[in-house]
Amino acid sequence: MTVKLGGYVFAAEPEIVFDLEADLAERQRYGGGATLSYVGHGSLRITLTGRLTGPNRYSDRDTLLGLLKSGAKQEFYADTIGYGSEASPKHVWIESLSFTHIAGKPNQVAYRIVLREET
């Protein structure tokens, strides 16, 4: 199964979390109290977490950093969970990207990538 972001194909499938929040408006009622009303929802956030391993871990890290620095929306699909496909990928923005070099594990770089769905 494949997970692809821009031109980068993840060698090991990352953990994927979808996060969608409702936009609620609080309204004060005459005489006291308040009610909440649904006024829509924000854009879908997708969080990818995993580890880059092997001899290409630093070049993979630099490739992902390049996608963020480009400032362009990226094509994304994860056919393992049925989100987009190679023929019809979704478009996302890279919201944040972080890497952690793990103590005692010189051949691994942990990553956390937060994507925001194009709306």
PDB file of N, CA and C in Angstrom:
ATOM      1  N   MET A   1       0.836  -1.178   0.000  1.00  0.00           N
ATOM      2  CA  MET A   1       0.000   0.000   0.000  1.00  0.00           C
ATOM      3  C   MET A   1       0.881   1.241   0.000  1.00  0.00           C
ATOM      4  N   THR A   2       0.365   2.344  -0.499  1.00  0.00           N
ATOM      5  CA  THR A   2       1.189   3.515  -0.742  1.00  0.00           C
ATOM      6  C   THR A   2       0.653   4.746  -0.024  1.00  0.00           C
ATOM      7  N   VAL A   3       1.580   5.516   0.554  1.00  0.00           N
ATOM      8  CA  VAL A   3       1.288   6.842   1.080  1.00  0.00           C
ATOM      9  C   VAL A   3       2.257   7.788   0.384  1.00  0.00           C
ATOM     10  N   LYS A   4       1.712   8.804  -0.308  1.00  0.00           N
ATOM     11  CA  LYS A   4       2.549   9.695  -1.104  1.00  0.00           C
ATOM     12  C   LYS A   4       2.187  11.150  -0.814  1.00  0.00           C
ATOM     13  N   LEU A   5       3.207  11.974  -0.604  1.00  0.00           N
ATOM     14  CA  LEU A   5       3.051  13.407  -0.394  1.00  0.00           C
ATOM     15  C   LEU A   5       3.936  14.122  -1.398  1.00  0.00           C
ATOM     16  N   GLY A   6       3.327  14.905  -2.287  1.00  0.00           N
ATOM     17  CA  GLY A   6       4.103  15.550  -3.344  1.00  0.00           C
ATOM     18  C   GLY A   6       4.782  14.466  -4.166  1.00  0.00           C
ATOM     19  N   GLY A   7       6.085  14.572  -4.345  1.00  0.00           N
ATOM     20  CA  GLY A   7       6.827  13.554  -5.071  1.00  0.00           C
ATOM     21  C   GLY A   7       7.457  12.512  -4.173  1.00  0.00           C
ATOM     22  N   TYR A   8       7.161  12.554  -2.873  1.00  0.00           N
ATOM     23  CA  TYR A   8       7.801  11.647  -1.922  1.00  0.00           C
ATOM     24  C   TYR A   8       6.869  10.496  -1.563  1.00  0.00           C
ATOM     25  N   VAL A   9       7.359   9.280  -1.729  1.00  0.00           N
ATOM     26  CA  VAL A   9       6.625   8.079  -1.345  1.00  0.00           C
ATOM     27  C   VAL A   9       7.239   7.553  -0.058  1.00  0.00           C
ATOM     28  N   PHE A  10       6.425   7.409   0.973  1.00  0.00           N
ATOM     29  CA  PHE A  10       6.907   6.928   2.262  1.00  0.00           C
ATOM     30  C   PHE A  10       7.265   5.450   2.161  1.00  0.00           C
ATOM     31  N   ALA A  11       8.488   5.118   2.567  1.00  0.00           N
ATOM     32  CA  ALA A  11       8.941   3.726   2.512  1.00  0.00           C
ATOM     33  C   ALA A  11       8.179   2.867   3.514  1.00  0.00           C
ATOM     34  N   ALA A  12       7.991   3.373   4.718  1.00  0.00           N
ATOM     35  CA  ALA A  12       7.206   2.679   5.737  1.00  0.00           C
ATOM     36  C   ALA A  12       5.949   3.499   5.989  1.00  0.00           C
ATOM     37  N   GLU A  13       4.816   2.827   6.052  1.00  0.00           N
ATOM     38  CA  GLU A  13       3.550   3.532   6.230  1.00  0.00           C
ATOM     39  C   GLU A  13       3.518   4.293   7.557  1.00  0.00           C
ATOM     40  N   PRO A  14       3.206   5.593   7.518  1.00  0.00           N
ATOM     41  CA  PRO A  14       3.127   6.357   8.759  1.00  0.00           C
ATOM     42  C   PRO A  14       1.800   6.130   9.475  1.00  0.00           C
ATOM     43  N   GLU A  15       1.769   6.491  10.746  1.00  0.00           N
ATOM     44  CA  GLU A  15       0.502   6.533  11.471  1.00  0.00           C
ATOM     45  C   GLU A  15      -0.221   7.787  10.980  1.00  0.00           C
ATOM     46  N   ILE A  16      -1.507   7.653  10.681  1.00  0.00           N
ATOM     47  CA  ILE A  16      -2.269   8.758  10.108  1.00  0.00           C
ATOM     48  C   ILE A  16      -3.464   9.059  11.006  1.00  0.00           C
ATOM     49  N   VAL A  17      -3.596  10.338  11.393  1.00  0.00           N
ATOM     50  CA  VAL A  17      -4.709  10.773  12.235  1.00  0.00           C
ATOM     51  C   VAL A  17      -5.452  11.888  11.511  1.00  0.00           C
ATOM     52  N   PHE A  18      -6.778  11.754  11.393  1.00  0.00           N
ATOM     53  CA  PHE A  18      -7.628  12.806  10.828  1.00  0.00           C
ATOM     54  C   PHE A  18      -8.220  13.608  11.980  1.00  0.00           C
ATOM     55  N   ASP A  19      -8.260  14.924  11.822  1.00  0.00           N
ATOM     56  CA  ASP A  19      -8.810  15.791  12.861  1.00  0.00           C
ATOM     57  C   ASP A  19      -9.694  16.837  12.183  1.00  0.00           C
ATOM     58  N   LEU A  20     -10.968  16.840  12.532  1.00  0.00           N
ATOM     59  CA  LEU A  20     -11.913  17.793  11.965  1.00  0.00           C
ATOM     60  C   LEU A  20     -12.731  18.372  13.109  1.00  0.00           C
ATOM     61  N   GLU A  21     -12.771  19.686  13.199  1.00  0.00           N
ATOM     62  CA  GLU A  21     -13.500  20.341  14.280  1.00  0.00           C
ATOM     63  C   GLU A  21     -14.677  21.121  13.718  1.00  0.00           C
ATOM     64  N   ALA A  22     -15.762  21.146  14.484  1.00  0.00           N
ATOM     65  CA  ALA A  22     -16.930  21.940  14.101  1.00  0.00           C
ATOM     66  C   ALA A  22     -16.715  23.384  14.543  1.00  0.00           C
ATOM     67  N   ASP A  23     -17.217  24.322  13.750  1.00  0.00           N
ATOM     68  CA  ASP A  23     -17.241  25.726  14.140  1.00  0.00           C
ATOM     69  C   ASP A  23     -18.574  25.972  14.832  1.00  0.00           C
ATOM     70  N   LEU A  24     -18.499  26.357  16.091  1.00  0.00           N
ATOM     71  CA  LEU A  24     -19.701  26.588  16.880  1.00  0.00           C
ATOM     72  C   LEU A  24     -19.773  28.056  17.276  1.00  0.00           C
ATOM     73  N   ALA A  25     -20.972  28.587  17.283  1.00  0.00           N
ATOM     74  CA  ALA A  25     -21.173  29.974  17.710  1.00  0.00           C
ATOM     75  C   ALA A  25     -21.985  29.951  18.999  1.00  0.00           C
ATOM     76  N   GLU A  26     -21.515  30.692  19.979  1.00  0.00           N
ATOM     77  CA  GLU A  26     -22.256  30.788  21.234  1.00  0.00           C
ATOM     78  C   GLU A  26     -23.172  32.003  21.163  1.00  0.00           C
ATOM     79  N   ARG A  27     -24.424  31.796  21.508  1.00  0.00           N
ATOM     80  CA  ARG A  27     -25.402  32.884  21.471  1.00  0.00           C
ATOM     81  C   ARG A  27     -26.004  33.054  22.852  1.00  0.00           C
ATOM     82  N   GLN A  28     -25.998  34.289  23.305  1.00  0.00           N
ATOM     83  CA  GLN A  28     -26.590  34.604  24.604  1.00  0.00           C
ATOM     84  C   GLN A  28     -28.109  34.720  24.439  1.00  0.00           C
ATOM     85  N   ARG A  29     -28.813  34.081  25.325  1.00  0.00           N
ATOM     86  CA  ARG A  29     -30.274  34.160  25.282  1.00  0.00           C
ATOM     87  C   ARG A  29     -30.754  35.288  26.184  1.00  0.00           C
ATOM     88  N   TYR A  30     -31.827  35.898  25.761  1.00  0.00           N
ATOM     89  CA  TYR A  30     -32.440  36.945  26.563  1.00  0.00           C
ATOM     90  C   TYR A  30     -32.892  36.331  27.878  1.00  0.00           C
ATOM     91  N   GLY A  31     -32.520  36.933  28.961  1.00  0.00           N
ATOM     92  CA  GLY A  31     -32.892  36.414  30.271  1.00  0.00           C
ATOM     93  C   GLY A  31     -31.837  35.495  30.866  1.00  0.00           C
ATOM     94  N   GLY A  32     -30.710  35.328  30.170  1.00  0.00           N
ATOM     95  CA  GLY A  32     -29.620  34.520  30.711  1.00  0.00           C
ATOM     96  C   GLY A  32     -29.444  33.200  29.989  1.00  0.00           C
ATOM     97  N   GLY A  33     -28.279  32.650  30.143  1.00  0.00           N
ATOM     98  CA  GLY A  33     -27.963  31.386  29.507  1.00  0.00           C
ATOM     99  C   GLY A  33     -27.418  31.577  28.101  1.00  0.00           C
ATOM    100  N   ALA A  34     -26.979  30.510  27.542  1.00  0.00           N
ATOM    101  CA  ALA A  34     -26.394  30.557  26.207  1.00  0.00           C
ATOM    102  C   ALA A  34     -26.693  29.254  25.489  1.00  0.00           C
ATOM    103  N   THR A  35     -26.704  29.309  24.184  1.00  0.00           N
ATOM    104  CA  THR A  35     -26.850  28.110  23.369  1.00  0.00           C
ATOM    105  C   THR A  35     -25.717  28.077  22.354  1.00  0.00           C
ATOM    106  N   LEU A  36     -25.420  26.896  21.890  1.00  0.00           N
ATOM    107  CA  LEU A  36     -24.414  26.729  20.843  1.00  0.00           C
ATOM    108  C   LEU A  36     -25.122  26.395  19.539  1.00  0.00           C
ATOM    109  N   SER A  37     -24.625  26.953  18.453  1.00  0.00           N
ATOM    110  CA  SER A  37     -25.179  26.663  17.136  1.00  0.00           C
ATOM    111  C   SER A  37     -24.051  26.211  16.213  1.00  0.00           C
ATOM    112  N   TYR A  38     -24.325  25.210  15.419  1.00  0.00           N
ATOM    113  CA  TYR A  38     -23.367  24.721  14.431  1.00  0.00           C
ATOM    114  C   TYR A  38     -23.368  25.673  13.254  1.00  0.00           C
ATOM    115  N   VAL A  39     -22.198  26.198  12.887  1.00  0.00           N
ATOM    116  CA  VAL A  39     -22.114  27.118  11.758  1.00  0.00           C
ATOM    117  C   VAL A  39     -21.174  26.596  10.666  1.00  0.00           C
ATOM    118  N   GLY A  40     -20.858  25.330  10.713  1.00  0.00           N
ATOM    119  CA  GLY A  40     -19.988  24.734   9.704  1.00  0.00           C
ATOM    120  C   GLY A  40     -18.853  23.968  10.354  1.00  0.00           C
ATOM    121  N   HIS A  41     -17.853  23.705   9.561  1.00  0.00           N
ATOM    122  CA  HIS A  41     -16.681  23.014  10.094  1.00  0.00           C
ATOM    123  C   HIS A  41     -15.434  23.556   9.412  1.00  0.00           C
ATOM    124  N   GLY A  42     -14.317  23.395  10.096  1.00  0.00           N
ATOM    125  CA  GLY A  42     -13.051  23.850   9.549  1.00  0.00           C
ATOM    126  C   GLY A  42     -12.529  22.860   8.520  1.00  0.00           C
ATOM    127  N   SER A  43     -11.312  23.075   8.102  1.00  0.00           N
ATOM    128  CA  SER A  43     -10.728  22.154   7.135  1.00  0.00           C
ATOM    129  C   SER A  43     -10.130  20.955   7.868  1.00  0.00           C
ATOM    130  N   LEU A  44     -10.063  19.859   7.165  1.00  0.00           N
ATOM    131  CA  LEU A  44      -9.538  18.617   7.719  1.00  0.00           C
ATOM    132  C   LEU A  44      -8.033  18.735   7.932  1.00  0.00           C
ATOM    133  N   ARG A  45      -7.574  18.351   9.114  1.00  0.00           N
ATOM    134  CA  ARG A  45      -6.134  18.275   9.394  1.00  0.00           C
ATOM    135  C   ARG A  45      -5.742  16.806   9.439  1.00  0.00           C
ATOM    136  N   ILE A  46      -4.623  16.518   8.816  1.00  0.00           N
ATOM    137  CA  ILE A  46      -4.116  15.157   8.747  1.00  0.00           C
ATOM    138  C   ILE A  46      -2.724  15.161   9.359  1.00  0.00           C
ATOM    139  N   THR A  47      -2.504  14.322  10.361  1.00  0.00           N
ATOM    140  CA  THR A  47      -1.200  14.240  11.012  1.00  0.00           C
ATOM    141  C   THR A  47      -0.553  12.902  10.677  1.00  0.00           C
ATOM    142  N   LEU A  48       0.655  12.970  10.153  1.00  0.00           N
ATOM    143  CA  LEU A  48       1.430  11.781   9.824  1.00  0.00           C
ATOM    144  C   LEU A  48       2.581  11.687  10.814  1.00  0.00           C
ATOM    145  N   THR A  49       2.762  10.548  11.439  1.00  0.00           N
ATOM    146  CA  THR A  49       3.911  10.332  12.322  1.00  0.00           C
ATOM    147  C   THR A  49       4.562   9.013  11.968  1.00  0.00           C
ATOM    148  N   GLY A  50       5.865   8.987  12.073  1.00  0.00           N
ATOM    149  CA  GLY A  50       6.604   7.771  11.772  1.00  0.00           C
ATOM    150  C   GLY A  50       8.090   8.001  11.908  1.00  0.00           C
ATOM    151  N   ARG A  51       8.860   7.107  11.328  1.00  0.00           N
ATOM    152  CA  ARG A  51      10.322   7.203  11.391  1.00  0.00           C
ATOM    153  C   ARG A  51      10.931   6.956  10.027  1.00  0.00           C
ATOM    154  N   LEU A  52      11.931   7.772   9.725  1.00  0.00           N
ATOM    155  CA  LEU A  52      12.744   7.569   8.531  1.00  0.00           C
ATOM    156  C   LEU A  52      13.938   6.738   8.958  1.00  0.00           C
ATOM    157  N   THR A  53      14.238   5.681   8.213  1.00  0.00           N
ATOM    158  CA  THR A  53      15.337   4.796   8.583  1.00  0.00           C
ATOM    159  C   THR A  53      16.206   4.519   7.367  1.00  0.00           C
ATOM    160  N   GLY A  54      17.338   3.909   7.628  1.00  0.00           N
ATOM    161  CA  GLY A  54      18.216   3.475   6.551  1.00  0.00           C
ATOM    162  C   GLY A  54      19.175   4.546   6.085  1.00  0.00           C
ATOM    163  N   PRO A  55      19.942   4.240   5.063  1.00  0.00           N
ATOM    164  CA  PRO A  55      20.983   5.154   4.600  1.00  0.00           C
ATOM    165  C   PRO A  55      20.455   6.439   3.959  1.00  0.00           C
ATOM    166  N   ASN A  56      19.180   6.446   3.528  1.00  0.00           N
ATOM    167  CA  ASN A  56      18.622   7.634   2.878  1.00  0.00           C
ATOM    168  C   ASN A  56      17.802   8.506   3.824  1.00  0.00           C
ATOM    169  N   ARG A  57      17.883   8.287   5.124  1.00  0.00           N
ATOM    170  CA  ARG A  57      17.025   9.010   6.065  1.00  0.00           C
ATOM    171  C   ARG A  57      17.221  10.518   6.009  1.00  0.00           C
ATOM    172  N   TYR A  58      18.456  10.983   5.815  1.00  0.00           N
ATOM    173  CA  TYR A  58      18.695  12.427   5.787  1.00  0.00           C
ATOM    174  C   TYR A  58      18.277  13.041   4.449  1.00  0.00           C
ATOM    175  N   SER A  59      18.470  12.315   3.368  1.00  0.00           N
ATOM    176  CA  SER A  59      18.000  12.844   2.077  1.00  0.00           C
ATOM    177  C   SER A  59      16.471  12.836   2.030  1.00  0.00           C
ATOM    178  N   ASP A  60      15.825  11.834   2.662  1.00  0.00           N
ATOM    179  CA  ASP A  60      14.365  11.823   2.760  1.00  0.00           C
ATOM    180  C   ASP A  60      13.891  13.017   3.581  1.00  0.00           C
ATOM    181  N   ARG A  61      14.566  13.302   4.687  1.00  0.00           N
ATOM    182  CA  ARG A  61      14.227  14.455   5.528  1.00  0.00           C
ATOM    183  C   ARG A  61      14.335  15.744   4.714  1.00  0.00           C
ATOM    184  N   ASP A  62      15.424  15.873   3.954  1.00  0.00           N
ATOM    185  CA  ASP A  62      15.626  17.080   3.150  1.00  0.00           C
ATOM    186  C   ASP A  62      14.580  17.203   2.039  1.00  0.00           C
ATOM    187  N   THR A  63      14.133  16.083   1.479  1.00  0.00           N
ATOM    188  CA  THR A  63      13.079  16.102   0.471  1.00  0.00           C
ATOM    189  C   THR A  63      11.779  16.632   1.072  1.00  0.00           C
ATOM    190  N   LEU A  64      11.431  16.154   2.259  1.00  0.00           N
ATOM    191  CA  LEU A  64      10.217  16.619   2.924  1.00  0.00           C
ATOM    192  C   LEU A  64      10.327  18.097   3.295  1.00  0.00           C
ATOM    193  N   LEU A  65      11.495  18.519   3.767  1.00  0.00           N
ATOM    194  CA  LEU A  65      11.702  19.941   4.068  1.00  0.00           C
ATOM    195  C   LEU A  65      11.536  20.795   2.808  1.00  0.00           C
ATOM    196  N   GLY A  66      12.026  20.296   1.678  1.00  0.00           N
ATOM    197  CA  GLY A  66      11.883  21.005   0.413  1.00  0.00           C
ATOM    198  C   GLY A  66      10.430  21.193   0.018  1.00  0.00           C
ATOM    199  N   LEU A  67       9.579  20.193   0.309  1.00  0.00           N
ATOM    200  CA  LEU A  67       8.154  20.320   0.007  1.00  0.00           C
ATOM    201  C   LEU A  67       7.535  21.446   0.821  1.00  0.00           C
ATOM    202  N   LEU A  68       7.902  21.537   2.097  1.00  0.00           N
ATOM    203  CA  LEU A  68       7.388  22.613   2.947  1.00  0.00           C
ATOM    204  C   LEU A  68       7.889  23.971   2.468  1.00  0.00           C
ATOM    205  N   LYS A  69       9.178  24.057   2.176  1.00  0.00           N
ATOM    206  CA  LYS A  69       9.776  25.330   1.773  1.00  0.00           C
ATOM    207  C   LYS A  69       9.274  25.818   0.422  1.00  0.00           C
ATOM    208  N   SER A  70       8.760  24.919  -0.411  1.00  0.00           N
ATOM    209  CA  SER A  70       8.245  25.341  -1.714  1.00  0.00           C
ATOM    210  C   SER A  70       7.026  26.245  -1.566  1.00  0.00           C
ATOM    211  N   GLY A  71       6.298  26.081  -0.463  1.00  0.00           N
ATOM    212  CA  GLY A  71       5.126  26.914  -0.222  1.00  0.00           C
ATOM    213  C   GLY A  71       3.935  26.591  -1.099  1.00  0.00           C
ATOM    214  N   ALA A  72       4.013  25.509  -1.827  1.00  0.00           N
ATOM    215  CA  ALA A  72       2.927  25.138  -2.744  1.00  0.00           C
ATOM    216  C   ALA A  72       2.070  24.031  -2.145  1.00  0.00           C
ATOM    217  N   LYS A  73       0.813  23.979  -2.596  1.00  0.00           N
ATOM    218  CA  LYS A  73      -0.006  22.846  -2.161  1.00  0.00           C
ATOM    219  C   LYS A  73       0.536  21.585  -2.820  1.00  0.00           C
ATOM    220  N   GLN A  74       0.362  20.480  -2.138  1.00  0.00           N
ATOM    221  CA  GLN A  74       0.927  19.212  -2.572  1.00  0.00           C
ATOM    222  C   GLN A  74      -0.174  18.191  -2.819  1.00  0.00           C
ATOM    223  N   GLU A  75       0.096  17.271  -3.716  1.00  0.00           N
ATOM    224  CA  GLU A  75      -0.806  16.142  -3.911  1.00  0.00           C
ATOM    225  C   GLU A  75      -0.519  15.123  -2.819  1.00  0.00           C
ATOM    226  N   PHE A  76      -1.594  14.524  -2.290  1.00  0.00           N
ATOM    227  CA  PHE A  76      -1.443  13.552  -1.206  1.00  0.00           C
ATOM    228  C   PHE A  76      -2.471  12.447  -1.394  1.00  0.00           C
ATOM    229  N   TYR A  77      -2.026  11.231  -1.188  1.00  0.00           N
ATOM    230  CA  TYR A  77      -2.972  10.134  -1.094  1.00  0.00           C
ATOM    231  C   TYR A  77      -2.403   9.042  -0.210  1.00  0.00           C
ATOM    232  N   ALA A  78      -3.324   8.331   0.421  1.00  0.00           N
ATOM    233  CA  ALA A  78      -2.982   7.201   1.280  1.00  0.00           C
ATOM    234  C   ALA A  78      -3.990   6.107   0.957  1.00  0.00           C
ATOM    235  N   ASP A  79      -3.636   5.254   0.015  1.00  0.00           N
ATOM    236  CA  ASP A  79      -4.594   4.234  -0.396  1.00  0.00           C
ATOM    237  C   ASP A  79      -4.797   3.166   0.668  1.00  0.00           C
ATOM    238  N   THR A  80      -3.940   3.131   1.677  1.00  0.00           N
ATOM    239  CA  THR A  80      -4.119   2.176   2.771  1.00  0.00           C
ATOM    240  C   THR A  80      -5.372   2.485   3.583  1.00  0.00           C
ATOM    241  N   ILE A  81      -5.786   3.757   3.600  1.00  0.00           N
ATOM    242  CA  ILE A  81      -6.983   4.148   4.347  1.00  0.00           C
ATOM    243  C   ILE A  81      -8.066   4.697   3.437  1.00  0.00           C
ATOM    244  N   GLY A  82      -7.861   4.592   2.125  1.00  0.00           N
ATOM    245  CA  GLY A  82      -8.869   5.035   1.170  1.00  0.00           C
ATOM    246  C   GLY A  82      -9.004   6.541   1.068  1.00  0.00           C
ATOM    247  N   TYR A  83      -7.918   7.280   1.281  1.00  0.00           N
ATOM    248  CA  TYR A  83      -7.959   8.736   1.168  1.00  0.00           C
ATOM    249  C   TYR A  83      -7.238   9.138  -0.111  1.00  0.00           C
ATOM    250  N   GLY A  84      -7.995   9.391  -1.151  1.00  0.00           N
ATOM    251  CA  GLY A  84      -7.410   9.691  -2.454  1.00  0.00           C
ATOM    252  C   GLY A  84      -6.875   8.420  -3.101  1.00  0.00           C
ATOM    253  N   SER A  85      -6.309   8.603  -4.286  1.00  0.00           N
ATOM    254  CA  SER A  85      -5.697   7.487  -5.002  1.00  0.00           C
ATOM    255  C   SER A  85      -4.655   8.060  -5.944  1.00  0.00           C
ATOM    256  N   GLU A  86      -3.889   7.196  -6.552  1.00  0.00           N
ATOM    257  CA  GLU A  86      -2.873   7.663  -7.488  1.00  0.00           C
ATOM    258  C   GLU A  86      -3.515   8.401  -8.663  1.00  0.00           C
ATOM    259  N   ALA A  87      -4.682   7.927  -9.096  1.00  0.00           N
ATOM    260  CA  ALA A  87      -5.377   8.555 -10.218  1.00  0.00           C
ATOM    261  C   ALA A  87      -6.051   9.870  -9.824  1.00  0.00           C
ATOM    262  N   SER A  88      -6.488   9.975  -8.573  1.00  0.00           N
ATOM    263  CA  SER A  88      -7.155  11.209  -8.120  1.00  0.00           C
ATOM    264  C   SER A  88      -6.700  11.572  -6.706  1.00  0.00           C
ATOM    265  N   PRO A  89      -5.485  12.145  -6.589  1.00  0.00           N
ATOM    266  CA  PRO A  89      -4.980  12.523  -5.264  1.00  0.00           C
ATOM    267  C   PRO A  89      -5.713  13.743  -4.711  1.00  0.00           C
ATOM    268  N   LYS A  90      -5.683  13.891  -3.397  1.00  0.00           N
ATOM    269  CA  LYS A  90      -6.230  15.074  -2.728  1.00  0.00           C
ATOM    270  C   LYS A  90      -5.143  16.152  -2.728  1.00  0.00           C
ATOM    271  N   HIS A  91      -5.557  17.404  -2.550  1.00  0.00           N
ATOM    272  CA  HIS A  91      -4.603  18.508  -2.463  1.00  0.00           C
ATOM    273  C   HIS A  91      -4.556  19.022  -1.039  1.00  0.00           C
ATOM    274  N   VAL A  92      -3.343  19.153  -0.503  1.00  0.00           N
ATOM    275  CA  VAL A  92      -3.150  19.567   0.882  1.00  0.00           C
ATOM    276  C   VAL A  92      -2.052  20.616   0.963  1.00  0.00           C
ATOM    277  N   TRP A  93      -2.071  21.351   2.073  1.00  0.00           N
ATOM    278  CA  TRP A  93      -0.993  22.277   2.415  1.00  0.00           C
ATOM    279  C   TRP A  93      -0.220  21.661   3.564  1.00  0.00           C
ATOM    280  N   ILE A  94       1.078  21.807   3.569  1.00  0.00           N
ATOM    281  CA  ILE A  94       1.880  21.351   4.706  1.00  0.00           C
ATOM    282  C   ILE A  94       1.852  22.475   5.728  1.00  0.00           C
ATOM    283  N   GLU A  95       1.230  22.204   6.862  1.00  0.00           N
ATOM    284  CA  GLU A  95       1.072  23.214   7.912  1.00  0.00           C
ATOM    285  C   GLU A  95       2.281  23.248   8.829  1.00  0.00           C
ATOM    286  N   SER A  96       2.781  22.091   9.203  1.00  0.00           N
ATOM    287  CA  SER A  96       3.994  22.044  10.026  1.00  0.00           C
ATOM    288  C   SER A  96       4.721  20.725   9.814  1.00  0.00           C
ATOM    289  N   LEU A  97       5.994  20.765  10.132  1.00  0.00           N
ATOM    290  CA  LEU A  97       6.866  19.619   9.893  1.00  0.00           C
ATOM    291  C   LEU A  97       7.929  19.624  10.982  1.00  0.00           C
ATOM    292  N   SER A  98       8.090  18.525  11.689  1.00  0.00           N
ATOM    293  CA  SER A  98       9.135  18.469  12.715  1.00  0.00           C
ATOM    294  C   SER A  98       9.843  17.117  12.654  1.00  0.00           C
ATOM    295  N   PHE A  99      11.122  17.159  12.970  1.00  0.00           N
ATOM    296  CA  PHE A  99      11.958  15.957  12.980  1.00  0.00           C
ATOM    297  C   PHE A  99      12.628  15.850  14.333  1.00  0.00           C
ATOM    298  N   THR A 100      12.772  14.622  14.820  1.00  0.00           N
ATOM    299  CA  THR A 100      13.441  14.367  16.091  1.00  0.00           C
ATOM    300  C   THR A 100      14.509  13.312  15.870  1.00  0.00           C
ATOM    301  N   HIS A 101      15.718  13.632  16.258  1.00  0.00           N
ATOM    302  CA  HIS A 101      16.796  12.655  16.199  1.00  0.00           C
ATOM    303  C   HIS A 101      16.798  11.914  17.526  1.00  0.00           C
ATOM    304  N   ILE A 102      16.578  10.626  17.477  1.00  0.00           N
ATOM    305  CA  ILE A 102      16.329   9.817  18.659  1.00  0.00           C
ATOM    306  C   ILE A 102      17.644   9.389  19.300  1.00  0.00           C
ATOM    307  N   ALA A 103      17.790   9.680  20.581  1.00  0.00           N
ATOM    308  CA  ALA A 103      19.003   9.298  21.300  1.00  0.00           C
ATOM    309  C   ALA A 103      19.147   7.776  21.308  1.00  0.00           C
ATOM    310  N   GLY A 104      20.336   7.306  21.008  1.00  0.00           N
ATOM    311  CA  GLY A 104      20.607   5.874  21.001  1.00  0.00           C
ATOM    312  C   GLY A 104      20.168   5.158  19.743  1.00  0.00           C
ATOM    313  N   LYS A 105      19.558   5.858  18.817  1.00  0.00           N
ATOM    314  CA  LYS A 105      19.107   5.260  17.555  1.00  0.00           C
ATOM    315  C   LYS A 105      19.642   6.113  16.409  1.00  0.00           C
ATOM    316  N   PRO A 106      20.938   5.998  16.093  1.00  0.00           N
ATOM    317  CA  PRO A 106      21.532   6.875  15.086  1.00  0.00           C
ATOM    318  C   PRO A 106      21.006   6.657  13.666  1.00  0.00           C
ATOM    319  N   ASN A 107      20.353   5.542  13.416  1.00  0.00           N
ATOM    320  CA  ASN A 107      19.855   5.266  12.063  1.00  0.00           C
ATOM    321  C   ASN A 107      18.385   5.595  11.892  1.00  0.00           C
ATOM    322  N   GLN A 108      17.811   6.368  12.851  1.00  0.00           N
ATOM    323  CA  GLN A 108      16.390   6.687  12.762  1.00  0.00           C
ATOM    324  C   GLN A 108      16.153   8.170  13.015  1.00  0.00           C
ATOM    325  N   VAL A 109      15.230   8.728  12.252  1.00  0.00           N
ATOM    326  CA  VAL A 109      14.783  10.106  12.434  1.00  0.00           C
ATOM    327  C   VAL A 109      13.258  10.069  12.507  1.00  0.00           C
ATOM    328  N   ALA A 110      12.696  10.473  13.659  1.00  0.00           N
ATOM    329  CA  ALA A 110      11.243  10.507  13.801  1.00  0.00           C
ATOM    330  C   ALA A 110      10.712  11.784  13.168  1.00  0.00           C
ATOM    331  N   TYR A 111       9.511  11.710  12.610  1.00  0.00           N
ATOM    332  CA  TYR A 111       8.907  12.890  11.998  1.00  0.00           C
ATOM    333  C   TYR A 111       7.457  13.027  12.422  1.00  0.00           C
ATOM    334  N   ARG A 112       6.977  14.255  12.329  1.00  0.00           N
ATOM    335  CA  ARG A 112       5.558  14.584  12.536  1.00  0.00           C
ATOM    336  C   ARG A 112       5.211  15.634  11.492  1.00  0.00           C
ATOM    337  N   ILE A 113       4.257  15.329  10.632  1.00  0.00           N
ATOM    338  CA  ILE A 113       3.856  16.216   9.553  1.00  0.00           C
ATOM    339  C   ILE A 113       2.369  16.507   9.713  1.00  0.00           C
ATOM    340  N   VAL A 114       2.016  17.796   9.753  1.00  0.00           N
ATOM    341  CA  VAL A 114       0.609  18.183   9.841  1.00  0.00           C
ATOM    342  C   VAL A 114       0.206  18.800   8.509  1.00  0.00           C
ATOM    343  N   LEU A 115      -0.813  18.211   7.901  1.00  0.00           N
ATOM    344  CA  LEU A 115      -1.325  18.666   6.610  1.00  0.00           C
ATOM    345  C   LEU A 115      -2.702  19.271   6.805  1.00  0.00           C
ATOM    346  N   ARG A 116      -3.037  20.228   5.994  1.00  0.00           N
ATOM    347  CA  ARG A 116      -4.380  20.813   6.001  1.00  0.00           C
ATOM    348  C   ARG A 116      -4.978  20.629   4.620  1.00  0.00           C
ATOM    349  N   GLU A 117      -6.165  20.036   4.582  1.00  0.00           N
ATOM    350  CA  GLU A 117      -6.815  19.752   3.309  1.00  0.00           C
ATOM    351  C   GLU A 117      -7.208  21.039   2.591  1.00  0.00           C
ATOM    352  N   GLU A 118      -6.991  21.056   1.288  1.00  0.00           N
ATOM    353  CA  GLU A 118      -7.410  22.192   0.457  1.00  0.00           C
ATOM    354  C   GLU A 118      -8.932  22.219   0.436  1.00  0.00           C
ATOM    355  N   THR A 119      -9.509  23.374   0.754  1.00  0.00           N
ATOM    356  CA  THR A 119     -10.978  23.459   0.786  1.00  0.00           C
ATOM    357  C   THR A 119     -11.478  24.390  -0.286  1.00  0.00           C
TER     358      THR A 119
END
